[in-house]
Amino acid sequence: MKVYSHGFFAMNTRFNMVIPGMDSPRGDELGRVSAQIVESWEQRLSRFRLGAELQIINELAYERDLLASESMNRVLDICDRYHRLTKGLFDPAVNQGKGRWKEVIRDREKGSIHFVSEGVNLDFGGIGKGIALEDVVSYLKLEDVVDAFLSFGESSIAGMGKHPHGEGWLVGSREGFLLSDAFISVSGLQNQGSSIEPALKAHIYHPLKGELINTRRRVMVESKSAIEAEVLSTCAYMADEGEFKELKAQFPDAQWQLD
């Protein structure tokens, strides 16, 4: 069987796609458009790229109201929803404890955004990959692609349809997930060397406790939504026992694995 594979660098990591039964000319076109989709989201959602919409918002939204694009308002609506559903555990405005989502003020009628605190700095790192990944999957479906495996930095993964030799795409160990038209997000510190000081390994800030989390564990979450999987893996990684119990109750259709 022919198997097409393609990869490109985006959002500070590697995006890889595998499509069984696809020839190279057709696959190259799908790969090219997929890269354009991801690039368009990076141009909106990067907080580091000069001129990106998010970079401009982070720089100027404290000084004045800014009109946000339709796409950015869609992202902000997503953040609103998951901030509410996770009872504040998901907070993309937290900047080492200097900002909070409640300090992001929006006028939905005008489509504008304003920060009431200078410390607010929006970060859509994980959720941005989920949004881009969902859009690539939607595009491939429109192009009649049924079976495919997409990996975004090995932390945001989509399994479309079936593996050529199975009912789905096995991700993780034997006790992992068999993906079929679903997504997985992975969060954790398991790949960082033991020689690194714990304080330097910490990379996720708990918005409710006001501290950096550096627990050595891996969290994998399966969902029908890549965006939701990204939100939940980050929240589950930082959650204590009580918070994790509430997450599982709030999102009963998600599948979880904590190592």
C-alpha atoms as a PDB file:
ATOM      1  CA  MET A   1       0.000   0.000   0.000  1.00  0.00           C
ATOM      2  CA  LYS A   2       1.163   3.520  -0.790  1.00  0.00           C
ATOM      3  CA  VAL A   3       1.664   5.684   2.288  1.00  0.00           C
ATOM      4  CA  TYR A   4       2.188   9.412   1.969  1.00  0.00           C
ATOM      5  CA  SER A   5       4.058  11.287   4.685  1.00  0.00           C
ATOM      6  CA  HIS A   6       4.820  14.964   5.007  1.00  0.00           C
ATOM      7  CA  GLY A   7       6.175  17.276   7.690  1.00  0.00           C
ATOM      8  CA  PHE A   8       6.768  20.960   8.283  1.00  0.00           C
ATOM      9  CA  PHE A   9       7.894  23.216  11.110  1.00  0.00           C
ATOM     10  CA  ALA A  10       5.247  25.443  12.719  1.00  0.00           C
ATOM     11  CA  MET A  11       4.344  26.903  16.114  1.00  0.00           C
ATOM     12  CA  ASN A  12       7.848  26.129  17.360  1.00  0.00           C
ATOM     13  CA  THR A  13       7.510  22.395  16.754  1.00  0.00           C
ATOM     14  CA  ARG A  14       7.137  19.778  14.022  1.00  0.00           C
ATOM     15  CA  PHE A  15       3.852  18.920  12.315  1.00  0.00           C
ATOM     16  CA  ASN A  16       3.806  15.453  10.716  1.00  0.00           C
ATOM     17  CA  MET A  17       1.073  13.818   8.676  1.00  0.00           C
ATOM     18  CA  VAL A  18       0.687  10.249   7.377  1.00  0.00           C
ATOM     19  CA  ILE A  19      -2.034   9.364   4.853  1.00  0.00           C
ATOM     20  CA  PRO A  20      -2.364   5.716   3.778  1.00  0.00           C
ATOM     21  CA  GLY A  21      -3.244   5.043   0.155  1.00  0.00           C
ATOM     22  CA  MET A  22      -2.285   8.544  -0.990  1.00  0.00           C
ATOM     23  CA  ASP A  23       0.012   9.216  -3.947  1.00  0.00           C
ATOM     24  CA  SER A  24       2.707  11.891  -3.765  1.00  0.00           C
ATOM     25  CA  PRO A  25       1.285  14.569  -6.112  1.00  0.00           C
ATOM     26  CA  ARG A  26      -2.081  14.595  -4.336  1.00  0.00           C
ATOM     27  CA  GLY A  27      -0.436  14.324  -0.928  1.00  0.00           C
ATOM     28  CA  ASP A  28       1.898  17.226  -1.685  1.00  0.00           C
ATOM     29  CA  GLU A  29      -1.087  19.466  -2.412  1.00  0.00           C
ATOM     30  CA  LEU A  30      -2.817  18.409   0.823  1.00  0.00           C
ATOM     31  CA  GLY A  31       0.398  19.000   2.745  1.00  0.00           C
ATOM     32  CA  ARG A  32       0.903  22.425   1.186  1.00  0.00           C
ATOM     33  CA  VAL A  33      -2.597  23.623   2.079  1.00  0.00           C
ATOM     34  CA  SER A  34      -2.354  22.099   5.564  1.00  0.00           C
ATOM     35  CA  ALA A  35       0.847  24.073   6.156  1.00  0.00           C
ATOM     36  CA  GLN A  36      -0.914  27.245   4.993  1.00  0.00           C
ATOM     37  CA  ILE A  37      -3.769  26.633   7.447  1.00  0.00           C
ATOM     38  CA  VAL A  38      -1.362  26.222  10.354  1.00  0.00           C
ATOM     39  CA  GLU A  39       0.695  29.228   9.262  1.00  0.00           C
ATOM     40  CA  SER A  40      -2.412  31.423   9.138  1.00  0.00           C
ATOM     41  CA  TRP A  41      -3.240  30.505  12.733  1.00  0.00           C
ATOM     42  CA  GLU A  42       0.320  31.072  13.866  1.00  0.00           C
ATOM     43  CA  GLN A  43       0.232  34.531  12.315  1.00  0.00           C
ATOM     44  CA  ARG A  44      -2.807  35.276  14.479  1.00  0.00           C
ATOM     45  CA  LEU A  45      -1.976  33.474  17.696  1.00  0.00           C
ATOM     46  CA  SER A  46       1.795  33.763  18.195  1.00  0.00           C
ATOM     47  CA  ARG A  47       2.741  36.023  21.077  1.00  0.00           C
ATOM     48  CA  PHE A  48       6.350  36.111  19.891  1.00  0.00           C
ATOM     49  CA  ARG A  49       6.042  36.831  16.160  1.00  0.00           C
ATOM     50  CA  LEU A  50       6.283  40.543  15.458  1.00  0.00           C
ATOM     51  CA  GLY A  51       3.094  41.729  13.803  1.00  0.00           C
ATOM     52  CA  ALA A  52       1.014  38.710  14.813  1.00  0.00           C
ATOM     53  CA  GLU A  53      -2.440  39.726  15.999  1.00  0.00           C
ATOM     54  CA  LEU A  54      -1.910  38.330  19.499  1.00  0.00           C
ATOM     55  CA  GLN A  55       1.487  40.037  19.804  1.00  0.00           C
ATOM     56  CA  ILE A  56      -0.157  43.366  18.956  1.00  0.00           C
ATOM     57  CA  ILE A  57      -2.988  42.765  21.420  1.00  0.00           C
ATOM     58  CA  ASN A  58      -0.552  41.904  24.209  1.00  0.00           C
ATOM     59  CA  GLU A  59       1.454  45.028  23.482  1.00  0.00           C
ATOM     60  CA  LEU A  60      -1.365  47.557  23.113  1.00  0.00           C
ATOM     61  CA  ALA A  61      -4.599  46.305  24.712  1.00  0.00           C
ATOM     62  CA  TYR A  62      -3.733  47.806  28.106  1.00  0.00           C
ATOM     63  CA  GLU A  63      -3.317  51.229  26.525  1.00  0.00           C
ATOM     64  CA  ARG A  64      -6.566  51.261  24.533  1.00  0.00           C
ATOM     65  CA  ASP A  65      -9.457  49.251  23.148  1.00  0.00           C
ATOM     66  CA  LEU A  66      -8.447  47.175  20.129  1.00  0.00           C
ATOM     67  CA  LEU A  67     -10.699  45.717  17.467  1.00  0.00           C
ATOM     68  CA  ALA A  68     -10.084  41.976  17.173  1.00  0.00           C
ATOM     69  CA  SER A  69     -10.544  39.973  13.981  1.00  0.00           C
ATOM     70  CA  GLU A  70     -13.419  37.553  13.595  1.00  0.00           C
ATOM     71  CA  SER A  71     -10.991  34.660  14.016  1.00  0.00           C
ATOM     72  CA  MET A  72      -9.501  36.153  17.181  1.00  0.00           C
ATOM     73  CA  ASN A  73     -12.954  36.728  18.654  1.00  0.00           C
ATOM     74  CA  ARG A  74     -13.694  33.064  17.963  1.00  0.00           C
ATOM     75  CA  VAL A  75     -10.608  32.116  19.976  1.00  0.00           C
ATOM     76  CA  LEU A  76     -11.554  34.487  22.782  1.00  0.00           C
ATOM     77  CA  ASP A  77     -15.043  32.949  22.893  1.00  0.00           C
ATOM     78  CA  ILE A  78     -13.446  29.509  23.224  1.00  0.00           C
ATOM     79  CA  CYS A  79     -11.320  30.788  26.103  1.00  0.00           C
ATOM     80  CA  ASP A  80     -14.380  32.275  27.800  1.00  0.00           C
ATOM     81  CA  ARG A  81     -16.189  28.964  27.569  1.00  0.00           C
ATOM     82  CA  TYR A  82     -13.417  26.789  28.963  1.00  0.00           C
ATOM     83  CA  HIS A  83     -12.471  29.291  31.648  1.00  0.00           C
ATOM     84  CA  ARG A  84     -16.059  29.011  32.862  1.00  0.00           C
ATOM     85  CA  LEU A  85     -16.366  25.232  32.484  1.00  0.00           C
ATOM     86  CA  THR A  86     -13.088  24.588  34.359  1.00  0.00           C
ATOM     87  CA  LYS A  87     -14.017  27.112  37.076  1.00  0.00           C
ATOM     88  CA  GLY A  88     -10.963  29.231  36.325  1.00  0.00           C
ATOM     89  CA  LEU A  89      -8.422  26.422  36.101  1.00  0.00           C
ATOM     90  CA  PHE A  90      -7.946  27.245  32.418  1.00  0.00           C
ATOM     91  CA  ASP A  91      -6.708  30.840  32.294  1.00  0.00           C
ATOM     92  CA  PRO A  92      -4.760  31.955  29.200  1.00  0.00           C
ATOM     93  CA  ALA A  93      -4.221  35.414  30.697  1.00  0.00           C
ATOM     94  CA  VAL A  94      -2.065  34.245  33.590  1.00  0.00           C
ATOM     95  CA  ASN A  95       1.432  35.704  33.218  1.00  0.00           C
ATOM     96  CA  GLN A  96       3.453  34.268  36.112  1.00  0.00           C
ATOM     97  CA  GLY A  97       0.689  35.430  38.436  1.00  0.00           C
ATOM     98  CA  LYS A  98       0.530  38.998  37.113  1.00  0.00           C
ATOM     99  CA  GLY A  99      -2.734  38.727  35.182  1.00  0.00           C
ATOM    100  CA  ARG A 100      -6.116  37.000  35.179  1.00  0.00           C
ATOM    101  CA  TRP A 101      -8.750  36.267  32.545  1.00  0.00           C
ATOM    102  CA  LYS A 102     -11.227  38.465  34.441  1.00  0.00           C
ATOM    103  CA  GLU A 103      -8.956  41.395  33.555  1.00  0.00           C
ATOM    104  CA  VAL A 104      -9.633  40.847  29.852  1.00  0.00           C
ATOM    105  CA  ILE A 105     -12.585  43.057  28.930  1.00  0.00           C
ATOM    106  CA  ARG A 106     -14.472  42.495  25.700  1.00  0.00           C
ATOM    107  CA  ASP A 107     -17.187  44.400  23.882  1.00  0.00           C
ATOM    108  CA  ARG A 108     -18.804  41.653  21.843  1.00  0.00           C
ATOM    109  CA  GLU A 109     -20.989  44.075  19.909  1.00  0.00           C
ATOM    110  CA  LYS A 110     -17.946  46.008  18.707  1.00  0.00           C
ATOM    111  CA  GLY A 111     -15.620  43.010  18.670  1.00  0.00           C
ATOM    112  CA  SER A 112     -13.053  44.839  20.783  1.00  0.00           C
ATOM    113  CA  ILE A 113     -10.707  43.800  23.585  1.00  0.00           C
ATOM    114  CA  HIS A 114      -9.071  45.723  26.424  1.00  0.00           C
ATOM    115  CA  PHE A 115      -6.836  44.769  29.362  1.00  0.00           C
ATOM    116  CA  VAL A 116      -7.519  46.416  32.718  1.00  0.00           C
ATOM    117  CA  SER A 117      -4.160  45.259  34.084  1.00  0.00           C
ATOM    118  CA  GLU A 118      -0.723  45.869  32.613  1.00  0.00           C
ATOM    119  CA  GLY A 119       0.316  42.385  33.714  1.00  0.00           C
ATOM    120  CA  VAL A 120      -2.056  40.557  31.349  1.00  0.00           C
ATOM    121  CA  ASN A 121      -0.273  38.646  28.599  1.00  0.00           C
ATOM    122  CA  LEU A 122      -2.419  36.200  26.648  1.00  0.00           C
ATOM    123  CA  ASP A 123      -0.806  32.877  25.752  1.00  0.00           C
ATOM    124  CA  PHE A 124      -2.579  30.535  23.320  1.00  0.00           C
ATOM    125  CA  GLY A 125       0.332  28.105  22.975  1.00  0.00           C
ATOM    126  CA  GLY A 126      -1.439  24.812  23.574  1.00  0.00           C
ATOM    127  CA  ILE A 127      -4.945  25.784  22.558  1.00  0.00           C
ATOM    128  CA  GLY A 128      -3.577  27.332  19.373  1.00  0.00           C
ATOM    129  CA  LYS A 129      -2.191  23.983  18.268  1.00  0.00           C
ATOM    130  CA  GLY A 130      -5.576  22.417  18.966  1.00  0.00           C
ATOM    131  CA  ILE A 131      -7.384  25.018  16.881  1.00  0.00           C
ATOM    132  CA  ALA A 132      -4.973  24.617  13.963  1.00  0.00           C
ATOM    133  CA  LEU A 133      -5.115  20.822  14.171  1.00  0.00           C
ATOM    134  CA  GLU A 134      -8.928  20.804  14.084  1.00  0.00           C
ATOM    135  CA  ASP A 135      -8.917  23.057  11.027  1.00  0.00           C
ATOM    136  CA  VAL A 136      -6.452  20.804   9.194  1.00  0.00           C
ATOM    137  CA  VAL A 137      -8.637  17.760   9.950  1.00  0.00           C
ATOM    138  CA  SER A 138     -11.718  19.644   8.699  1.00  0.00           C
ATOM    139  CA  TYR A 139      -9.873  20.524   5.492  1.00  0.00           C
ATOM    140  CA  LEU A 140      -8.744  16.918   4.922  1.00  0.00           C
ATOM    141  CA  LYS A 141     -12.306  15.689   5.411  1.00  0.00           C
ATOM    142  CA  LEU A 142     -13.524  18.165   2.789  1.00  0.00           C
ATOM    143  CA  GLU A 143     -10.906  16.672   0.471  1.00  0.00           C
ATOM    144  CA  ASP A 144     -12.373  13.189   1.101  1.00  0.00           C
ATOM    145  CA  VAL A 145      -9.475  11.984   3.237  1.00  0.00           C
ATOM    146  CA  VAL A 146     -10.869   9.282   5.533  1.00  0.00           C
ATOM    147  CA  ASP A 147      -7.792   7.742   7.164  1.00  0.00           C
ATOM    148  CA  ALA A 148      -4.829   9.786   8.406  1.00  0.00           C
ATOM    149  CA  PHE A 149      -2.560  10.320  11.379  1.00  0.00           C
ATOM    150  CA  LEU A 150      -1.458  13.838  12.330  1.00  0.00           C
ATOM    151  CA  SER A 151       1.054  14.647  15.051  1.00  0.00           C
ATOM    152  CA  PHE A 152       1.756  18.190  16.170  1.00  0.00           C
ATOM    153  CA  GLY A 153       4.990  17.998  18.156  1.00  0.00           C
ATOM    154  CA  GLU A 154       3.902  14.592  19.527  1.00  0.00           C
ATOM    155  CA  SER A 155       1.745  16.449  22.047  1.00  0.00           C
ATOM    156  CA  SER A 156      -1.319  17.251  19.911  1.00  0.00           C
ATOM    157  CA  ILE A 157      -2.440  14.249  17.874  1.00  0.00           C
ATOM    158  CA  ALA A 158      -5.313  13.418  15.530  1.00  0.00           C
ATOM    159  CA  GLY A 159      -6.320   9.962  14.378  1.00  0.00           C
ATOM    160  CA  MET A 160      -8.697   9.977  11.416  1.00  0.00           C
ATOM    161  CA  GLY A 161     -10.511   6.787  10.507  1.00  0.00           C
ATOM    162  CA  LYS A 162      -8.498   3.585  10.694  1.00  0.00           C
ATOM    163  CA  HIS A 163      -4.904   2.396  10.626  1.00  0.00           C
ATOM    164  CA  PRO A 164      -4.272   0.173   7.554  1.00  0.00           C
ATOM    165  CA  HIS A 165      -3.911  -2.818   9.890  1.00  0.00           C
ATOM    166  CA  GLY A 166      -6.372  -2.022  12.655  1.00  0.00           C
ATOM    167  CA  GLU A 167      -9.470  -0.248  13.852  1.00  0.00           C
ATOM    168  CA  GLY A 168      -7.627   2.909  14.839  1.00  0.00           C
ATOM    169  CA  TRP A 169      -4.272   4.535  15.543  1.00  0.00           C
ATOM    170  CA  LEU A 170      -2.572   3.349  18.733  1.00  0.00           C
ATOM    171  CA  VAL A 171      -1.034   6.223  20.694  1.00  0.00           C
ATOM    172  CA  GLY A 172       1.098   5.573  23.744  1.00  0.00           C
ATOM    173  CA  SER A 173       1.716   2.166  25.282  1.00  0.00           C
ATOM    174  CA  ARG A 174      -0.497  -0.902  25.047  1.00  0.00           C
ATOM    175  CA  GLU A 175      -2.617   0.804  27.693  1.00  0.00           C
ATOM    176  CA  GLY A 176      -2.767   3.975  25.605  1.00  0.00           C
ATOM    177  CA  PHE A 177      -5.536   5.123  23.275  1.00  0.00           C
ATOM    178  CA  LEU A 178      -6.790   3.656  20.019  1.00  0.00           C
ATOM    179  CA  LEU A 179      -7.708   6.791  18.093  1.00  0.00           C
ATOM    180  CA  SER A 180     -10.452   6.773  15.480  1.00  0.00           C
ATOM    181  CA  ASP A 181     -11.803  10.196  14.528  1.00  0.00           C
ATOM    182  CA  ALA A 182     -10.560  11.639  17.805  1.00  0.00           C
ATOM    183  CA  PHE A 183      -7.760  13.727  19.270  1.00  0.00           C
ATOM    184  CA  ILE A 184      -5.218  13.366  22.053  1.00  0.00           C
ATOM    185  CA  SER A 185      -3.282  16.011  23.932  1.00  0.00           C
ATOM    186  CA  VAL A 186      -0.260  15.246  26.105  1.00  0.00           C
ATOM    187  CA  SER A 187       1.016  17.469  28.921  1.00  0.00           C
ATOM    188  CA  GLY A 188       3.794  16.921  31.429  1.00  0.00           C
ATOM    189  CA  LEU A 189       7.469  17.084  32.321  1.00  0.00           C
ATOM    190  CA  GLN A 190       8.307  13.449  31.649  1.00  0.00           C
ATOM    191  CA  ASN A 191      10.732  14.219  28.805  1.00  0.00           C
ATOM    192  CA  GLN A 192      12.920  16.690  30.684  1.00  0.00           C
ATOM    193  CA  GLY A 193      16.211  15.479  32.104  1.00  0.00           C
ATOM    194  CA  SER A 194      16.588  14.778  35.796  1.00  0.00           C
ATOM    195  CA  SER A 195      19.632  17.068  35.978  1.00  0.00           C
ATOM    196  CA  ILE A 196      17.453  20.164  35.516  1.00  0.00           C
ATOM    197  CA  GLU A 197      16.556  21.941  38.739  1.00  0.00           C
ATOM    198  CA  PRO A 198      12.851  21.430  39.646  1.00  0.00           C
ATOM    199  CA  ALA A 199      12.182  25.181  39.683  1.00  0.00           C
ATOM    200  CA  LEU A 200      13.473  25.448  36.107  1.00  0.00           C
ATOM    201  CA  LYS A 201      11.342  22.547  34.921  1.00  0.00           C
ATOM    202  CA  ALA A 202       8.118  24.191  36.107  1.00  0.00           C
ATOM    203  CA  HIS A 203       6.300  25.602  33.101  1.00  0.00           C
ATOM    204  CA  ILE A 204       2.591  25.690  33.947  1.00  0.00           C
ATOM    205  CA  TYR A 205       1.223  28.271  36.344  1.00  0.00           C
ATOM    206  CA  HIS A 206      -1.726  27.261  38.527  1.00  0.00           C
ATOM    207  CA  PRO A 207      -4.052  30.297  38.317  1.00  0.00           C
ATOM    208  CA  LEU A 208      -6.036  29.427  41.443  1.00  0.00           C
ATOM    209  CA  LYS A 209      -3.155  28.494  43.732  1.00  0.00           C
ATOM    210  CA  GLY A 210      -0.743  31.115  42.417  1.00  0.00           C
ATOM    211  CA  GLU A 211       2.230  28.800  41.917  1.00  0.00           C
ATOM    212  CA  LEU A 212       4.229  27.043  39.224  1.00  0.00           C
ATOM    213  CA  ILE A 213       3.620  23.317  38.842  1.00  0.00           C
ATOM    214  CA  ASN A 214       6.556  20.958  38.294  1.00  0.00           C
ATOM    215  CA  THR A 215       5.036  17.571  39.044  1.00  0.00           C
ATOM    216  CA  ARG A 216       6.875  14.810  37.186  1.00  0.00           C
ATOM    217  CA  ARG A 217       4.017  13.078  35.444  1.00  0.00           C
ATOM    218  CA  ARG A 218       2.390  12.738  32.046  1.00  0.00           C
ATOM    219  CA  VAL A 219      -1.253  13.399  31.307  1.00  0.00           C
ATOM    220  CA  MET A 220      -2.976  12.161  28.152  1.00  0.00           C
ATOM    221  CA  VAL A 221      -6.528  13.219  27.316  1.00  0.00           C
ATOM    222  CA  GLU A 222      -8.642  11.914  24.449  1.00  0.00           C
ATOM    223  CA  SER A 223     -11.544  13.972  23.134  1.00  0.00           C
ATOM    224  CA  LYS A 224     -13.580  14.478  19.984  1.00  0.00           C
ATOM    225  CA  SER A 225     -12.249  18.041  20.055  1.00  0.00           C
ATOM    226  CA  ALA A 226      -8.552  18.888  19.767  1.00  0.00           C
ATOM    227  CA  ILE A 227      -9.202  22.197  21.507  1.00  0.00           C
ATOM    228  CA  GLU A 228     -10.901  20.505  24.435  1.00  0.00           C
ATOM    229  CA  ALA A 229      -8.146  17.901  24.685  1.00  0.00           C
ATOM    230  CA  GLU A 230      -5.536  20.683  24.899  1.00  0.00           C
ATOM    231  CA  VAL A 231      -7.430  22.515  27.625  1.00  0.00           C
ATOM    232  CA  LEU A 232      -8.083  19.387  29.658  1.00  0.00           C
ATOM    233  CA  SER A 233      -4.559  17.955  29.500  1.00  0.00           C
ATOM    234  CA  THR A 234      -3.117  21.219  30.824  1.00  0.00           C
ATOM    235  CA  CYS A 235      -5.766  21.499  33.532  1.00  0.00           C
ATOM    236  CA  ALA A 236      -5.437  17.849  34.563  1.00  0.00           C
ATOM    237  CA  TYR A 237      -1.660  18.177  34.800  1.00  0.00           C
ATOM    238  CA  MET A 238      -1.898  20.992  37.340  1.00  0.00           C
ATOM    239  CA  ALA A 239      -5.046  19.817  39.134  1.00  0.00           C
ATOM    240  CA  ASP A 240      -5.048  18.455  42.657  1.00  0.00           C
ATOM    241  CA  GLU A 241      -7.232  15.455  43.537  1.00  0.00           C
ATOM    242  CA  GLY A 242     -10.367  17.517  44.121  1.00  0.00           C
ATOM    243  CA  GLU A 243      -9.923  19.629  40.989  1.00  0.00           C
ATOM    244  CA  PHE A 244      -9.324  16.547  38.857  1.00  0.00           C
ATOM    245  CA  LYS A 245     -12.493  14.928  40.202  1.00  0.00           C
ATOM    246  CA  GLU A 246     -14.447  18.044  39.178  1.00  0.00           C
ATOM    247  CA  LEU A 247     -12.884  18.011  35.698  1.00  0.00           C
ATOM    248  CA  LYS A 248     -13.918  14.393  35.148  1.00  0.00           C
ATOM    249  CA  ALA A 249     -17.467  15.188  36.250  1.00  0.00           C
ATOM    250  CA  GLN A 250     -17.665  18.274  34.022  1.00  0.00           C
ATOM    251  CA  PHE A 251     -16.289  16.450  30.949  1.00  0.00           C
ATOM    252  CA  PRO A 252     -17.671  12.900  31.188  1.00  0.00           C
ATOM    253  CA  ASP A 253     -16.970  12.042  27.547  1.00  0.00           C
ATOM    254  CA  ALA A 254     -13.225  12.687  27.801  1.00  0.00           C
ATOM    255  CA  GLN A 255     -10.815   9.791  28.362  1.00  0.00           C
ATOM    256  CA  TRP A 256      -7.890  10.286  30.728  1.00  0.00           C
ATOM    257  CA  GLN A 257      -4.555   8.621  31.436  1.00  0.00           C
ATOM    258  CA  LEU A 258      -2.207   9.892  34.161  1.00  0.00           C
ATOM    259  CA  ASP A 259       1.265   8.350  34.530  1.00  0.00           C
END
